[in-house]
Amino acid sequence: LVMKYEDVKESIRKHEGYRLEPYKCTEGFLTGGIGHKINEGEEIPTTEEGWLELFDKDFEIALNGARRLVNEEDTHPEAFGILVEMCFQLGEFGVSKFKKMLAAIENKDYEDAGWEMKDSKWNQQTPHRCEELSYRMRNIR
């Protein structure tokens, strides 16, 4: 089974949405494009192309974060994609705190991993996204 990164990017786009004009996210951070947290002093893109370039960079950061948390080769592609999306939203450090979920993924117990995802502050912050990703994780066969 080969992971299709475009599918993961599409899922992230769907959950994050796209905004040309910066806005404050639910956590109060200045955000723009496809869920890009704008850092102090960072140049803000004024075109969709600029935001898409940033999205590709942010996606690479999330992808590499997921690769540091689990072995991509040993993980079901769907589970790995979900981890990439979690890293995109929460950061590698945030996802590293999901110790029981990561252990379940290592053991290929994707159903347990999905339930562990719901036992989190993340589930309170973005319940629809957590529920969808948890459901997808629980139903990997």
C-alpha atoms as a PDB file:
ATOM      1  CA  LEU A   1       0.000   0.000   0.000  1.00  0.00           C
ATOM      2  CA  VAL A   2       1.393   3.347  -0.986  1.00  0.00           C
ATOM      3  CA  MET A   3       0.524   6.547   0.782  1.00  0.00           C
ATOM      4  CA  LYS A   4      -0.822   9.247  -1.486  1.00  0.00           C
ATOM      5  CA  TYR A   5       0.331  12.559  -0.044  1.00  0.00           C
ATOM      6  CA  GLU A   6      -2.131  14.429  -2.288  1.00  0.00           C
ATOM      7  CA  ASP A   7      -4.993  12.721  -0.430  1.00  0.00           C
ATOM      8  CA  VAL A   8      -3.552  13.887   2.886  1.00  0.00           C
ATOM      9  CA  LYS A   9      -3.128  17.431   1.553  1.00  0.00           C
ATOM     10  CA  GLU A  10      -6.744  17.362   0.362  1.00  0.00           C
ATOM     11  CA  SER A  11      -7.968  16.281   3.806  1.00  0.00           C
ATOM     12  CA  ILE A  12      -5.952  19.076   5.442  1.00  0.00           C
ATOM     13  CA  ARG A  13      -7.344  21.624   2.950  1.00  0.00           C
ATOM     14  CA  LYS A  14     -10.869  20.418   3.689  1.00  0.00           C
ATOM     15  CA  HIS A  15     -10.417  20.765   7.457  1.00  0.00           C
ATOM     16  CA  GLU A  16      -8.416  24.010   7.453  1.00  0.00           C
ATOM     17  CA  GLY A  17     -10.227  25.833   4.675  1.00  0.00           C
ATOM     18  CA  TYR A  18      -8.493  28.590   2.726  1.00  0.00           C
ATOM     19  CA  ARG A  19      -8.411  32.323   3.407  1.00  0.00           C
ATOM     20  CA  LEU A  20      -6.467  34.891   1.406  1.00  0.00           C
ATOM     21  CA  GLU A  21      -6.888  37.458   4.194  1.00  0.00           C
ATOM     22  CA  PRO A  22      -5.337  36.653   7.598  1.00  0.00           C
ATOM     23  CA  TYR A  23      -7.739  35.955  10.477  1.00  0.00           C
ATOM     24  CA  LYS A  24      -7.565  34.903  14.140  1.00  0.00           C
ATOM     25  CA  CYS A  25      -7.976  31.128  14.592  1.00  0.00           C
ATOM     26  CA  THR A  26      -9.914  29.495  17.450  1.00  0.00           C
ATOM     27  CA  GLU A  27      -6.751  29.573  19.579  1.00  0.00           C
ATOM     28  CA  GLY A  28      -6.312  33.306  18.890  1.00  0.00           C
ATOM     29  CA  PHE A  29      -3.329  33.067  16.519  1.00  0.00           C
ATOM     30  CA  LEU A  30      -3.091  35.134  13.340  1.00  0.00           C
ATOM     31  CA  THR A  31      -3.611  32.579  10.564  1.00  0.00           C
ATOM     32  CA  GLY A  32      -3.899  32.653   6.788  1.00  0.00           C
ATOM     33  CA  GLY A  33      -3.907  30.565   3.640  1.00  0.00           C
ATOM     34  CA  ILE A  34      -4.451  26.904   4.502  1.00  0.00           C
ATOM     35  CA  GLY A  35      -4.113  26.932   8.282  1.00  0.00           C
ATOM     36  CA  HIS A  36      -0.732  28.698   8.346  1.00  0.00           C
ATOM     37  CA  LYS A  37       0.072  30.221  11.723  1.00  0.00           C
ATOM     38  CA  ILE A  38       1.718  33.560  10.966  1.00  0.00           C
ATOM     39  CA  ASN A  39       4.776  34.177  13.111  1.00  0.00           C
ATOM     40  CA  GLU A  40       5.859  37.565  14.448  1.00  0.00           C
ATOM     41  CA  GLY A  41       7.606  39.533  11.688  1.00  0.00           C
ATOM     42  CA  GLU A  42       6.811  36.934   9.019  1.00  0.00           C
ATOM     43  CA  GLU A  43       5.980  38.318   5.590  1.00  0.00           C
ATOM     44  CA  ILE A  44       2.299  37.693   4.824  1.00  0.00           C
ATOM     45  CA  PRO A  45       1.545  36.445   1.297  1.00  0.00           C
ATOM     46  CA  THR A  46      -0.892  38.517  -0.759  1.00  0.00           C
ATOM     47  CA  THR A  47      -1.598  35.890  -3.439  1.00  0.00           C
ATOM     48  CA  GLU A  48      -2.971  32.359  -3.468  1.00  0.00           C
ATOM     49  CA  GLU A  49       0.319  31.191  -5.023  1.00  0.00           C
ATOM     50  CA  GLY A  50       2.203  32.612  -2.046  1.00  0.00           C
ATOM     51  CA  TRP A  51      -0.081  30.824   0.413  1.00  0.00           C
ATOM     52  CA  LEU A  52       0.171  27.538  -1.528  1.00  0.00           C
ATOM     53  CA  GLU A  53       3.976  27.764  -1.394  1.00  0.00           C
ATOM     54  CA  LEU A  54       3.746  28.156   2.383  1.00  0.00           C
ATOM     55  CA  PHE A  55       1.289  25.241   2.546  1.00  0.00           C
ATOM     56  CA  ASP A  56       3.801  22.987   0.782  1.00  0.00           C
ATOM     57  CA  LYS A  57       6.493  23.994   3.311  1.00  0.00           C
ATOM     58  CA  ASP A  58       4.116  23.468   6.252  1.00  0.00           C
ATOM     59  CA  PHE A  59       3.121  20.073   4.823  1.00  0.00           C
ATOM     60  CA  GLU A  60       6.801  19.015   4.581  1.00  0.00           C
ATOM     61  CA  ILE A  61       7.308  19.990   8.234  1.00  0.00           C
ATOM     62  CA  ALA A  62       4.267  17.892   9.245  1.00  0.00           C
ATOM     63  CA  LEU A  63       5.393  14.963   7.075  1.00  0.00           C
ATOM     64  CA  ASN A  64       8.877  14.967   8.595  1.00  0.00           C
ATOM     65  CA  GLY A  65       7.384  15.282  12.085  1.00  0.00           C
ATOM     66  CA  ALA A  66       5.204  12.214  11.521  1.00  0.00           C
ATOM     67  CA  ARG A  67       8.251  10.339  10.202  1.00  0.00           C
ATOM     68  CA  ARG A  68      10.112  11.089  13.437  1.00  0.00           C
ATOM     69  CA  LEU A  69       7.175   9.788  15.528  1.00  0.00           C
ATOM     70  CA  VAL A  70       6.606   6.461  13.721  1.00  0.00           C
ATOM     71  CA  ASN A  71       8.255   4.358  11.035  1.00  0.00           C
ATOM     72  CA  GLU A  72       6.394   5.241   7.841  1.00  0.00           C
ATOM     73  CA  GLU A  73       7.309   1.905   6.208  1.00  0.00           C
ATOM     74  CA  ASP A  74       5.798  -0.114   9.093  1.00  0.00           C
ATOM     75  CA  THR A  75       2.614   1.952   9.388  1.00  0.00           C
ATOM     76  CA  HIS A  76      -0.581   1.542   7.364  1.00  0.00           C
ATOM     77  CA  PRO A  77      -0.658   4.439   4.834  1.00  0.00           C
ATOM     78  CA  GLU A  78      -4.032   5.678   6.102  1.00  0.00           C
ATOM     79  CA  ALA A  79      -2.777   5.752   9.711  1.00  0.00           C
ATOM     80  CA  PHE A  80       0.395   7.530   8.642  1.00  0.00           C
ATOM     81  CA  GLY A  81      -1.632  10.119   6.696  1.00  0.00           C
ATOM     82  CA  ILE A  82      -3.778  10.793   9.747  1.00  0.00           C
ATOM     83  CA  LEU A  83      -0.608  11.339  11.801  1.00  0.00           C
ATOM     84  CA  VAL A  84       0.689  13.786   9.183  1.00  0.00           C
ATOM     85  CA  GLU A  85      -2.575  15.713   9.411  1.00  0.00           C
ATOM     86  CA  MET A  86      -2.391  15.742  13.205  1.00  0.00           C
ATOM     87  CA  CYS A  87       1.201  17.055  12.993  1.00  0.00           C
ATOM     88  CA  PHE A  88       0.005  19.757  10.602  1.00  0.00           C
ATOM     89  CA  GLN A  89      -2.612  20.942  13.096  1.00  0.00           C
ATOM     90  CA  LEU A  90      -0.944  20.255  16.447  1.00  0.00           C
ATOM     91  CA  GLY A  91       2.767  20.179  15.606  1.00  0.00           C
ATOM     92  CA  GLU A  92       5.102  17.239  16.094  1.00  0.00           C
ATOM     93  CA  PHE A  93       5.565  18.100  19.775  1.00  0.00           C
ATOM     94  CA  GLY A  94       1.795  18.188  20.344  1.00  0.00           C
ATOM     95  CA  VAL A  95       1.308  14.809  18.668  1.00  0.00           C
ATOM     96  CA  SER A  96       4.269  13.330  20.588  1.00  0.00           C
ATOM     97  CA  LYS A  97       2.154  13.673  23.764  1.00  0.00           C
ATOM     98  CA  PHE A  98      -0.332  11.083  22.392  1.00  0.00           C
ATOM     99  CA  LYS A  99       1.833   8.309  23.889  1.00  0.00           C
ATOM    100  CA  LYS A 100      -0.874   5.605  24.029  1.00  0.00           C
ATOM    101  CA  MET A 101      -2.027   6.365  20.482  1.00  0.00           C
ATOM    102  CA  LEU A 102       1.541   6.179  19.143  1.00  0.00           C
ATOM    103  CA  ALA A 103       2.135   2.890  21.019  1.00  0.00           C
ATOM    104  CA  ALA A 104      -1.079   1.460  19.517  1.00  0.00           C
ATOM    105  CA  ILE A 105       0.053   2.518  16.025  1.00  0.00           C
ATOM    106  CA  GLU A 106       3.433   0.836  16.608  1.00  0.00           C
ATOM    107  CA  ASN A 107       1.478  -2.331  17.536  1.00  0.00           C
ATOM    108  CA  LYS A 108      -0.738  -1.935  14.443  1.00  0.00           C
ATOM    109  CA  ASP A 109      -3.777  -1.691  16.755  1.00  0.00           C
ATOM    110  CA  TYR A 110      -5.423   1.087  14.762  1.00  0.00           C
ATOM    111  CA  GLU A 111      -8.780   0.667  16.495  1.00  0.00           C
ATOM    112  CA  ASP A 112      -7.213   1.366  19.897  1.00  0.00           C
ATOM    113  CA  ALA A 113      -5.189   4.233  18.372  1.00  0.00           C
ATOM    114  CA  GLY A 114      -8.432   5.799  17.134  1.00  0.00           C
ATOM    115  CA  TRP A 115     -10.029   5.636  20.584  1.00  0.00           C
ATOM    116  CA  GLU A 116      -6.887   7.137  22.178  1.00  0.00           C
ATOM    117  CA  MET A 117      -7.164  10.133  19.802  1.00  0.00           C
ATOM    118  CA  LYS A 118     -10.538  11.017  21.311  1.00  0.00           C
ATOM    119  CA  ASP A 119      -9.175  11.010  24.870  1.00  0.00           C
ATOM    120  CA  SER A 120      -7.612  14.454  24.427  1.00  0.00           C
ATOM    121  CA  LYS A 121      -7.868  18.217  24.762  1.00  0.00           C
ATOM    122  CA  TRP A 122      -7.670  18.215  20.952  1.00  0.00           C
ATOM    123  CA  ASN A 123     -11.073  16.469  20.855  1.00  0.00           C
ATOM    124  CA  GLN A 124     -12.523  19.366  22.876  1.00  0.00           C
ATOM    125  CA  GLN A 125     -10.899  22.028  20.656  1.00  0.00           C
ATOM    126  CA  THR A 126     -11.833  20.612  17.228  1.00  0.00           C
ATOM    127  CA  PRO A 127     -14.333  17.794  17.910  1.00  0.00           C
ATOM    128  CA  HIS A 128     -15.528  17.297  14.316  1.00  0.00           C
ATOM    129  CA  ARG A 129     -12.010  16.949  12.939  1.00  0.00           C
ATOM    130  CA  CYS A 130     -10.948  14.665  15.785  1.00  0.00           C
ATOM    131  CA  GLU A 131     -14.056  12.502  15.361  1.00  0.00           C
ATOM    132  CA  GLU A 132     -13.535  12.130  11.616  1.00  0.00           C
ATOM    133  CA  LEU A 133      -9.833  11.280  11.892  1.00  0.00           C
ATOM    134  CA  SER A 134     -10.473   8.968  14.859  1.00  0.00           C
ATOM    135  CA  TYR A 135     -13.216   7.182  12.897  1.00  0.00           C
ATOM    136  CA  ARG A 136     -10.910   6.751   9.906  1.00  0.00           C
ATOM    137  CA  MET A 137      -8.159   5.399  12.197  1.00  0.00           C
ATOM    138  CA  ARG A 138     -10.538   2.963  13.960  1.00  0.00           C
ATOM    139  CA  ASN A 139     -11.752   1.573  10.620  1.00  0.00           C
ATOM    140  CA  ILE A 140      -8.374   0.707   9.089  1.00  0.00           C
ATOM    141  CA  ARG A 141      -8.362  -2.960   8.103  1.00  0.00           C
END
